[in-house]
N, C-alpha and C. Protein backbone atom coordinates (compact mmCIF):
# COMPACT_ATOMS: atom_id res chain seq x y z
N UNK A 1 78.25 97.96 34.18
CA UNK A 1 77.67 96.93 34.99
C UNK A 1 78.46 95.64 34.79
N UNK A 2 78.80 94.98 35.91
CA UNK A 2 79.58 93.75 35.84
C UNK A 2 78.67 92.57 35.54
N UNK A 3 79.19 91.61 34.82
CA UNK A 3 78.42 90.40 34.62
C UNK A 3 78.21 89.70 35.97
N UNK A 4 77.13 88.96 36.12
CA UNK A 4 76.80 88.27 37.37
C UNK A 4 77.89 87.27 37.73
N UNK A 5 78.41 86.58 36.76
CA UNK A 5 79.44 85.58 37.03
C UNK A 5 80.67 86.23 37.65
N UNK A 6 81.10 87.36 37.19
CA UNK A 6 82.27 88.05 37.72
C UNK A 6 82.00 88.58 39.13
N UNK A 7 80.82 89.13 39.38
CA UNK A 7 80.47 89.64 40.71
C UNK A 7 80.44 88.49 41.72
N UNK A 8 79.91 87.35 41.31
CA UNK A 8 79.87 86.18 42.19
C UNK A 8 81.28 85.71 42.50
N UNK A 9 82.15 85.67 41.50
CA UNK A 9 83.53 85.27 41.71
C UNK A 9 84.23 86.23 42.66
N UNK A 10 83.99 87.52 42.47
CA UNK A 10 84.58 88.53 43.36
C UNK A 10 84.11 88.33 44.80
N UNK A 11 82.83 88.08 44.98
CA UNK A 11 82.26 87.89 46.31
C UNK A 11 82.86 86.65 46.97
N UNK A 12 82.96 85.55 46.24
CA UNK A 12 83.54 84.33 46.79
C UNK A 12 85.01 84.54 47.15
N UNK A 13 85.72 85.27 46.32
CA UNK A 13 87.12 85.58 46.62
C UNK A 13 87.26 86.41 47.89
N UNK A 14 86.38 87.38 48.06
CA UNK A 14 86.39 88.22 49.26
C UNK A 14 86.08 87.39 50.51
N UNK A 15 85.10 86.51 50.42
CA UNK A 15 84.74 85.63 51.55
C UNK A 15 85.93 84.75 51.91
N UNK A 16 86.60 84.18 50.92
CA UNK A 16 87.77 83.33 51.18
C UNK A 16 88.86 84.14 51.86
N UNK A 17 89.12 85.35 51.39
CA UNK A 17 90.17 86.19 51.96
C UNK A 17 89.87 86.53 53.42
N UNK A 18 88.66 86.94 53.71
CA UNK A 18 88.28 87.29 55.08
C UNK A 18 88.36 86.08 56.00
N UNK A 19 87.86 84.93 55.54
CA UNK A 19 87.88 83.74 56.40
C UNK A 19 89.29 83.23 56.63
N UNK A 20 90.19 83.42 55.68
CA UNK A 20 91.56 82.95 55.88
C UNK A 20 92.32 83.84 56.85
N UNK A 21 91.84 85.06 57.06
CA UNK A 21 92.48 85.97 58.02
C UNK A 21 91.96 85.76 59.44
N UNK A 22 90.84 85.11 59.59
CA UNK A 22 90.26 84.90 60.93
C UNK A 22 91.16 83.98 61.73
N UNK A 23 91.29 84.26 63.03
CA UNK A 23 92.12 83.44 63.90
C UNK A 23 91.25 82.78 64.95
N UNK A 24 91.58 81.55 65.33
CA UNK A 24 90.80 80.89 66.37
C UNK A 24 91.00 81.57 67.72
N UNK A 25 90.04 81.40 68.61
CA UNK A 25 90.16 81.94 69.96
C UNK A 25 91.27 81.21 70.69
N UNK A 26 92.24 81.94 71.28
CA UNK A 26 93.33 81.27 71.97
C UNK A 26 92.85 80.60 73.26
N UNK A 27 93.51 79.50 73.62
CA UNK A 27 93.17 78.80 74.85
C UNK A 27 94.26 78.92 75.90
N UNK A 28 95.44 79.35 75.53
CA UNK A 28 96.54 79.52 76.46
C UNK A 28 96.95 80.99 76.45
N UNK A 29 97.37 81.53 77.60
CA UNK A 29 97.71 82.94 77.65
C UNK A 29 98.86 83.32 76.72
N UNK A 30 99.82 82.41 76.50
CA UNK A 30 100.93 82.72 75.61
C UNK A 30 100.43 82.94 74.18
N UNK A 31 99.35 82.25 73.82
CA UNK A 31 98.79 82.34 72.48
C UNK A 31 97.97 83.62 72.32
N UNK A 32 97.55 84.19 73.43
CA UNK A 32 96.67 85.35 73.38
C UNK A 32 97.40 86.62 72.96
N UNK A 33 98.68 86.52 72.61
CA UNK A 33 99.41 87.67 72.13
C UNK A 33 100.07 88.49 73.22
N UNK A 34 100.01 88.03 74.46
CA UNK A 34 100.64 88.75 75.55
C UNK A 34 101.44 87.75 76.37
N UNK A 35 102.76 87.62 76.09
CA UNK A 35 103.56 86.67 76.85
C UNK A 35 103.44 86.95 78.34
N UNK A 36 103.46 85.89 79.14
CA UNK A 36 103.26 86.04 80.58
C UNK A 36 104.26 86.99 81.20
N UNK A 37 105.51 86.97 80.74
CA UNK A 37 106.54 87.81 81.34
C UNK A 37 106.33 89.29 81.04
N UNK A 38 105.48 89.63 80.07
CA UNK A 38 105.28 91.03 79.70
C UNK A 38 104.00 91.63 80.27
N UNK A 39 103.26 90.87 81.08
CA UNK A 39 102.04 91.42 81.67
C UNK A 39 102.42 92.44 82.73
N UNK A 40 101.54 93.42 82.91
CA UNK A 40 101.79 94.47 83.91
C UNK A 40 101.84 93.86 85.31
N UNK A 41 102.80 94.33 86.11
CA UNK A 41 103.00 93.82 87.47
C UNK A 41 102.98 94.97 88.46
N UNK A 42 102.71 94.62 89.71
CA UNK A 42 102.71 95.58 90.80
C UNK A 42 103.35 94.90 92.01
N UNK A 43 104.18 95.63 92.78
CA UNK A 43 104.71 95.04 94.01
C UNK A 43 103.61 94.95 95.06
N UNK A 44 103.55 93.81 95.75
CA UNK A 44 102.57 93.60 96.82
C UNK A 44 103.36 93.17 98.06
N UNK A 45 103.04 93.78 99.20
CA UNK A 45 103.71 93.43 100.45
C UNK A 45 102.66 93.15 101.52
N UNK A 46 102.83 92.03 102.22
CA UNK A 46 101.94 91.66 103.31
C UNK A 46 102.75 91.65 104.60
N UNK A 47 102.22 92.28 105.64
CA UNK A 47 102.88 92.29 106.95
C UNK A 47 102.62 90.94 107.62
N UNK A 48 103.36 89.91 107.19
CA UNK A 48 103.16 88.54 107.65
C UNK A 48 103.88 88.29 108.97
N UNK A 49 103.58 87.15 109.60
CA UNK A 49 104.20 86.78 110.87
C UNK A 49 105.72 86.69 110.76
N UNK A 50 106.22 86.22 109.62
CA UNK A 50 107.66 86.04 109.44
C UNK A 50 108.37 87.33 109.02
N UNK A 51 107.63 88.42 108.91
CA UNK A 51 108.17 89.69 108.41
C UNK A 51 107.51 90.02 107.09
N UNK A 52 107.95 91.10 106.45
CA UNK A 52 107.30 91.51 105.20
C UNK A 52 107.40 90.41 104.13
N UNK A 53 106.25 90.02 103.59
CA UNK A 53 106.20 89.05 102.49
C UNK A 53 106.00 89.86 101.22
N UNK A 54 107.00 89.81 100.34
CA UNK A 54 106.97 90.64 99.13
C UNK A 54 106.76 89.77 97.89
N UNK A 55 105.89 90.26 97.01
CA UNK A 55 105.56 89.54 95.78
C UNK A 55 105.57 90.51 94.60
N UNK A 56 105.87 89.98 93.43
CA UNK A 56 105.71 90.70 92.17
C UNK A 56 104.48 90.10 91.51
N UNK A 57 103.38 90.85 91.53
CA UNK A 57 102.10 90.28 91.12
C UNK A 57 101.62 90.83 89.78
N UNK A 58 101.23 89.92 88.90
CA UNK A 58 100.58 90.32 87.66
C UNK A 58 99.21 90.88 88.01
N UNK A 59 98.78 91.88 87.28
CA UNK A 59 97.49 92.51 87.54
C UNK A 59 96.42 91.86 86.66
N UNK A 60 95.33 91.45 87.29
CA UNK A 60 94.15 90.94 86.58
C UNK A 60 93.00 91.86 86.94
N UNK A 61 92.72 92.84 86.07
CA UNK A 61 91.72 93.85 86.42
C UNK A 61 90.61 94.00 85.38
N UNK A 62 90.59 93.13 84.39
CA UNK A 62 89.48 93.14 83.43
C UNK A 62 88.73 91.81 83.56
N UNK A 63 87.49 91.75 83.14
CA UNK A 63 86.77 90.47 83.22
C UNK A 63 87.51 89.32 82.52
N UNK A 64 88.09 89.57 81.35
CA UNK A 64 88.81 88.52 80.64
C UNK A 64 90.05 88.07 81.40
N UNK A 65 90.83 89.03 81.93
CA UNK A 65 92.03 88.68 82.68
C UNK A 65 91.68 87.93 83.96
N UNK A 66 90.62 88.35 84.62
CA UNK A 66 90.20 87.66 85.85
C UNK A 66 89.71 86.25 85.54
N UNK A 67 89.03 86.07 84.41
CA UNK A 67 88.54 84.74 84.03
C UNK A 67 89.70 83.80 83.69
N UNK A 68 90.72 84.31 83.04
CA UNK A 68 91.88 83.49 82.66
C UNK A 68 92.75 83.19 83.88
N UNK A 69 92.97 84.19 84.71
CA UNK A 69 93.74 84.00 85.94
C UNK A 69 95.05 83.27 85.72
N UNK A 70 95.30 82.27 86.54
CA UNK A 70 96.55 81.51 86.51
C UNK A 70 96.43 80.22 85.69
N UNK A 71 95.41 80.13 84.86
CA UNK A 71 95.24 78.92 84.04
C UNK A 71 96.47 78.67 83.17
N UNK A 72 96.76 77.40 82.97
CA UNK A 72 97.76 76.89 82.04
C UNK A 72 99.20 77.09 82.51
N UNK A 73 99.44 77.68 83.66
CA UNK A 73 100.81 77.86 84.15
C UNK A 73 101.34 76.52 84.63
N UNK A 74 102.57 76.22 84.31
CA UNK A 74 103.17 74.97 84.76
C UNK A 74 104.13 75.17 85.92
N UNK A 75 104.49 76.40 86.22
CA UNK A 75 105.38 76.68 87.34
C UNK A 75 105.18 78.13 87.78
N UNK A 76 105.76 78.43 88.94
CA UNK A 76 105.62 79.76 89.51
C UNK A 76 106.77 79.99 90.48
N UNK A 77 107.38 81.16 90.44
CA UNK A 77 108.45 81.48 91.39
C UNK A 77 107.84 81.74 92.76
N UNK A 78 108.66 81.58 93.79
CA UNK A 78 108.18 81.78 95.17
C UNK A 78 107.66 83.19 95.42
N UNK A 79 108.20 84.17 94.72
CA UNK A 79 107.78 85.56 94.97
C UNK A 79 106.87 86.12 93.87
N UNK A 80 106.37 85.25 93.02
CA UNK A 80 105.41 85.67 91.98
C UNK A 80 103.99 85.57 92.51
N UNK A 81 103.09 86.27 91.88
CA UNK A 81 101.68 86.19 92.24
C UNK A 81 100.83 86.84 91.17
N UNK A 82 99.54 86.81 91.40
CA UNK A 82 98.59 87.52 90.55
C UNK A 82 97.58 88.18 91.48
N UNK A 83 97.38 89.49 91.29
CA UNK A 83 96.41 90.21 92.11
C UNK A 83 95.18 90.50 91.26
N UNK A 84 94.05 90.03 91.74
CA UNK A 84 92.76 90.23 91.08
C UNK A 84 92.12 91.46 91.70
N UNK A 85 91.83 92.45 90.87
CA UNK A 85 91.25 93.71 91.33
C UNK A 85 89.80 93.79 90.90
N UNK A 86 88.93 94.13 91.84
CA UNK A 86 87.51 94.30 91.56
C UNK A 86 87.11 95.72 91.93
N UNK A 87 86.10 96.29 91.27
CA UNK A 87 85.72 97.68 91.52
C UNK A 87 85.14 97.93 92.91
N UNK A 88 84.60 96.89 93.55
CA UNK A 88 84.03 97.06 94.89
C UNK A 88 84.08 95.74 95.65
N UNK A 89 83.86 95.81 96.95
CA UNK A 89 83.87 94.62 97.80
C UNK A 89 82.59 93.82 97.62
N UNK A 90 82.74 92.49 97.65
CA UNK A 90 81.60 91.58 97.56
C UNK A 90 82.11 90.17 97.87
N UNK A 91 81.21 89.22 98.09
CA UNK A 91 81.67 87.84 98.26
C UNK A 91 82.30 87.36 96.95
N UNK A 92 83.50 86.82 97.04
CA UNK A 92 84.21 86.34 95.85
C UNK A 92 84.52 84.86 96.02
N UNK A 93 84.52 84.15 94.91
CA UNK A 93 84.94 82.75 94.93
C UNK A 93 85.72 82.46 93.65
N UNK A 94 86.64 81.51 93.76
CA UNK A 94 87.52 81.15 92.66
C UNK A 94 87.52 79.64 92.51
N UNK A 95 87.83 79.17 91.29
CA UNK A 95 87.99 77.74 91.06
C UNK A 95 89.35 77.52 90.42
N UNK A 96 89.71 76.25 90.25
CA UNK A 96 91.04 75.89 89.75
C UNK A 96 90.97 75.16 88.40
N UNK A 97 89.87 75.31 87.69
CA UNK A 97 89.74 74.66 86.38
C UNK A 97 90.87 75.14 85.48
N UNK A 98 91.54 74.22 84.84
CA UNK A 98 92.65 74.50 83.93
C UNK A 98 93.84 75.17 84.61
N UNK A 99 93.86 75.16 85.93
CA UNK A 99 95.02 75.65 86.68
C UNK A 99 95.84 74.43 87.02
N UNK A 100 97.11 74.44 86.61
CA UNK A 100 97.93 73.24 86.67
C UNK A 100 98.80 73.15 87.91
N UNK A 101 98.85 74.20 88.72
CA UNK A 101 99.69 74.22 89.92
C UNK A 101 98.84 74.59 91.14
N UNK A 102 99.26 74.11 92.30
CA UNK A 102 98.55 74.43 93.55
C UNK A 102 98.77 75.91 93.89
N UNK A 103 97.72 76.55 94.38
CA UNK A 103 97.79 77.97 94.72
C UNK A 103 97.24 78.22 96.12
N UNK A 104 97.74 79.28 96.75
CA UNK A 104 97.12 79.86 97.93
C UNK A 104 96.38 81.10 97.46
N UNK A 105 95.20 81.34 98.01
CA UNK A 105 94.39 82.51 97.65
C UNK A 105 94.22 83.38 98.88
N UNK A 106 94.75 84.60 98.79
CA UNK A 106 94.67 85.54 99.90
C UNK A 106 93.56 86.54 99.57
N UNK A 107 92.44 86.45 100.29
CA UNK A 107 91.30 87.33 100.07
C UNK A 107 91.52 88.60 100.89
N UNK A 108 91.40 89.76 100.23
CA UNK A 108 91.77 91.04 100.84
C UNK A 108 90.57 91.98 100.80
N UNK A 109 90.29 92.59 101.95
CA UNK A 109 89.17 93.54 102.05
C UNK A 109 89.53 94.86 101.37
N UNK A 110 88.52 95.70 101.18
CA UNK A 110 88.72 97.01 100.56
C UNK A 110 89.68 97.90 101.33
N UNK A 111 89.81 97.69 102.65
CA UNK A 111 90.75 98.49 103.45
C UNK A 111 92.16 97.91 103.41
N UNK A 112 92.38 96.92 102.56
CA UNK A 112 93.68 96.27 102.33
C UNK A 112 94.18 95.53 103.57
N UNK A 113 93.28 94.83 104.22
CA UNK A 113 93.67 93.86 105.25
C UNK A 113 93.21 92.48 104.78
N UNK A 114 93.95 91.47 105.21
CA UNK A 114 93.63 90.10 104.81
C UNK A 114 92.33 89.67 105.49
N UNK A 115 91.37 89.27 104.69
CA UNK A 115 90.10 88.75 105.20
C UNK A 115 90.25 87.27 105.56
N UNK A 116 90.92 86.52 104.72
CA UNK A 116 91.13 85.09 104.95
C UNK A 116 91.97 84.49 103.85
N UNK A 117 92.39 83.24 104.06
CA UNK A 117 93.29 82.57 103.13
C UNK A 117 92.75 81.17 102.83
N UNK A 118 92.76 80.81 101.56
CA UNK A 118 92.53 79.43 101.14
C UNK A 118 93.90 78.87 100.79
N UNK A 119 94.31 77.83 101.50
CA UNK A 119 95.65 77.27 101.31
C UNK A 119 95.63 76.04 100.42
N UNK A 120 96.67 75.92 99.61
CA UNK A 120 96.91 74.73 98.77
C UNK A 120 95.69 74.26 97.99
N UNK A 121 95.08 75.17 97.25
CA UNK A 121 93.94 74.80 96.40
C UNK A 121 94.40 73.77 95.37
N UNK A 122 93.68 72.67 95.29
CA UNK A 122 94.06 71.58 94.40
C UNK A 122 93.85 71.96 92.94
N UNK A 123 94.88 71.72 92.11
CA UNK A 123 94.77 72.04 90.68
C UNK A 123 93.68 71.23 89.98
N UNK A 124 93.23 71.78 88.86
CA UNK A 124 92.30 71.12 87.93
C UNK A 124 90.99 70.68 88.58
N UNK A 125 90.49 71.49 89.49
CA UNK A 125 89.21 71.17 90.14
C UNK A 125 88.25 72.34 89.94
N UNK A 126 86.97 72.05 90.01
CA UNK A 126 85.96 73.07 89.80
C UNK A 126 85.24 73.48 91.08
N UNK A 127 85.72 72.99 92.23
CA UNK A 127 85.13 73.40 93.51
C UNK A 127 85.37 74.89 93.72
N UNK A 128 84.35 75.56 94.22
CA UNK A 128 84.48 77.00 94.50
C UNK A 128 85.24 77.19 95.81
N UNK A 129 86.22 78.09 95.78
CA UNK A 129 86.98 78.43 96.98
C UNK A 129 86.68 79.86 97.36
N UNK A 130 86.39 80.06 98.63
CA UNK A 130 86.07 81.40 99.11
C UNK A 130 86.31 81.45 100.61
N UNK A 131 86.18 82.63 101.17
CA UNK A 131 86.19 82.82 102.62
C UNK A 131 84.94 83.62 102.96
N UNK A 132 84.42 83.48 104.18
CA UNK A 132 83.21 84.25 104.55
C UNK A 132 83.50 85.75 104.57
N UNK A 133 82.60 86.52 104.00
CA UNK A 133 82.73 87.98 104.02
C UNK A 133 82.99 88.55 102.64
N UNK A 134 83.09 89.88 102.61
CA UNK A 134 83.30 90.61 101.36
C UNK A 134 84.77 90.94 101.18
N UNK A 135 85.28 90.72 99.97
CA UNK A 135 86.64 91.12 99.64
C UNK A 135 86.61 91.87 98.31
N UNK A 136 87.65 92.67 98.11
CA UNK A 136 87.74 93.45 96.88
C UNK A 136 88.93 93.02 96.02
N UNK A 137 89.86 92.32 96.66
CA UNK A 137 91.08 91.89 95.97
C UNK A 137 91.38 90.46 96.38
N UNK A 138 92.04 89.73 95.49
CA UNK A 138 92.53 88.40 95.82
C UNK A 138 93.93 88.28 95.25
N UNK A 139 94.87 87.87 96.10
CA UNK A 139 96.24 87.62 95.67
C UNK A 139 96.44 86.11 95.61
N UNK A 140 96.78 85.60 94.42
CA UNK A 140 97.11 84.19 94.29
C UNK A 140 98.62 84.04 94.26
N UNK A 141 99.12 83.13 95.11
CA UNK A 141 100.55 82.86 95.20
C UNK A 141 100.76 81.35 95.17
N UNK A 142 102.00 80.95 95.04
CA UNK A 142 102.35 79.54 94.97
C UNK A 142 101.82 78.79 96.20
N UNK A 143 101.26 77.60 95.97
CA UNK A 143 100.73 76.80 97.07
C UNK A 143 101.75 76.57 98.16
N UNK A 144 101.34 76.72 99.42
CA UNK A 144 102.22 76.54 100.57
C UNK A 144 102.86 77.82 101.07
N UNK A 145 102.77 78.88 100.28
CA UNK A 145 103.41 80.15 100.64
C UNK A 145 102.79 80.78 101.88
N UNK A 146 101.48 80.79 101.97
CA UNK A 146 100.81 81.43 103.11
C UNK A 146 101.22 80.77 104.42
N UNK A 147 101.24 79.45 104.44
CA UNK A 147 101.65 78.73 105.65
C UNK A 147 103.11 79.00 105.97
N UNK A 148 103.97 78.93 104.97
CA UNK A 148 105.41 79.11 105.16
C UNK A 148 105.74 80.50 105.71
N UNK A 149 105.02 81.53 105.23
CA UNK A 149 105.31 82.90 105.65
C UNK A 149 104.42 83.39 106.79
N UNK A 150 103.41 82.61 107.15
CA UNK A 150 102.52 83.02 108.23
C UNK A 150 101.55 84.12 107.82
N UNK A 151 100.99 84.00 106.62
CA UNK A 151 100.00 84.98 106.15
C UNK A 151 98.64 84.59 106.74
N UNK A 152 98.03 85.53 107.48
CA UNK A 152 96.80 85.26 108.22
C UNK A 152 95.81 86.43 108.12
N UNK A 153 94.60 86.19 108.55
CA UNK A 153 93.56 87.23 108.61
C UNK A 153 94.02 88.41 109.46
N UNK A 154 93.63 89.61 109.03
CA UNK A 154 93.91 90.82 109.79
C UNK A 154 95.22 91.51 109.43
N UNK A 155 96.09 90.86 108.69
CA UNK A 155 97.38 91.48 108.33
C UNK A 155 97.19 92.54 107.26
N UNK A 156 98.03 93.56 107.33
CA UNK A 156 97.97 94.67 106.38
C UNK A 156 98.62 94.28 105.06
N UNK A 157 98.02 94.70 103.95
CA UNK A 157 98.55 94.45 102.60
C UNK A 157 98.81 95.81 101.96
N UNK A 158 99.95 95.94 101.30
CA UNK A 158 100.30 97.20 100.66
C UNK A 158 100.56 96.98 99.17
N UNK A 159 99.84 97.69 98.34
CA UNK A 159 100.06 97.69 96.89
C UNK A 159 99.33 98.89 96.33
N UNK A 160 99.71 99.28 95.12
CA UNK A 160 98.96 100.34 94.45
C UNK A 160 98.67 99.89 93.03
N UNK A 161 97.42 99.93 92.69
CA UNK A 161 96.98 99.68 91.31
C UNK A 161 95.64 100.37 91.16
N UNK A 162 95.40 101.05 90.04
CA UNK A 162 94.10 101.70 89.83
C UNK A 162 92.98 100.66 89.82
N UNK A 163 91.85 101.02 90.40
CA UNK A 163 90.71 100.11 90.45
C UNK A 163 90.02 100.04 89.09
N UNK A 164 89.58 98.85 88.71
CA UNK A 164 88.86 98.72 87.44
C UNK A 164 87.46 99.31 87.55
N UNK A 165 86.90 99.68 86.43
CA UNK A 165 85.54 100.22 86.42
C UNK A 165 84.49 99.12 86.36
N UNK A 166 84.89 97.91 85.98
CA UNK A 166 83.94 96.80 85.92
C UNK A 166 84.58 95.52 86.35
């Protein structure tokens, strides 16, 4: 049997060791252990007025990835994007809290046609952005892209990514 003093010292030492290993919750995606350039991507093509609009889109298909979205990004290439995948169609809305760059939001129905577009969403705002109707996917691209390429309601969108379960 150990003396009480030694058991108490051992317990305090264990508590110190465990607490020193704990890490704070990251606030930026780079800190979350997954550099932005290494996130899974999928090619997305929209049959836009100007011809095929092609993007390399990061996949956001989990609740955490969808919540983080494009937050903290300071720049974006013209052909980059993020595709938000949901398990089923429903009214969707997005905000720009902690998003540092202007974005266009392309709301896409379950049949992969464009439902509507929110253009040039202002950074760092908490206003909800949406379009009337149900969508299952949302493609976020650099602000001004939809207007420049002529991305509009009714256009066909082509991409393949497995649907999330939640």
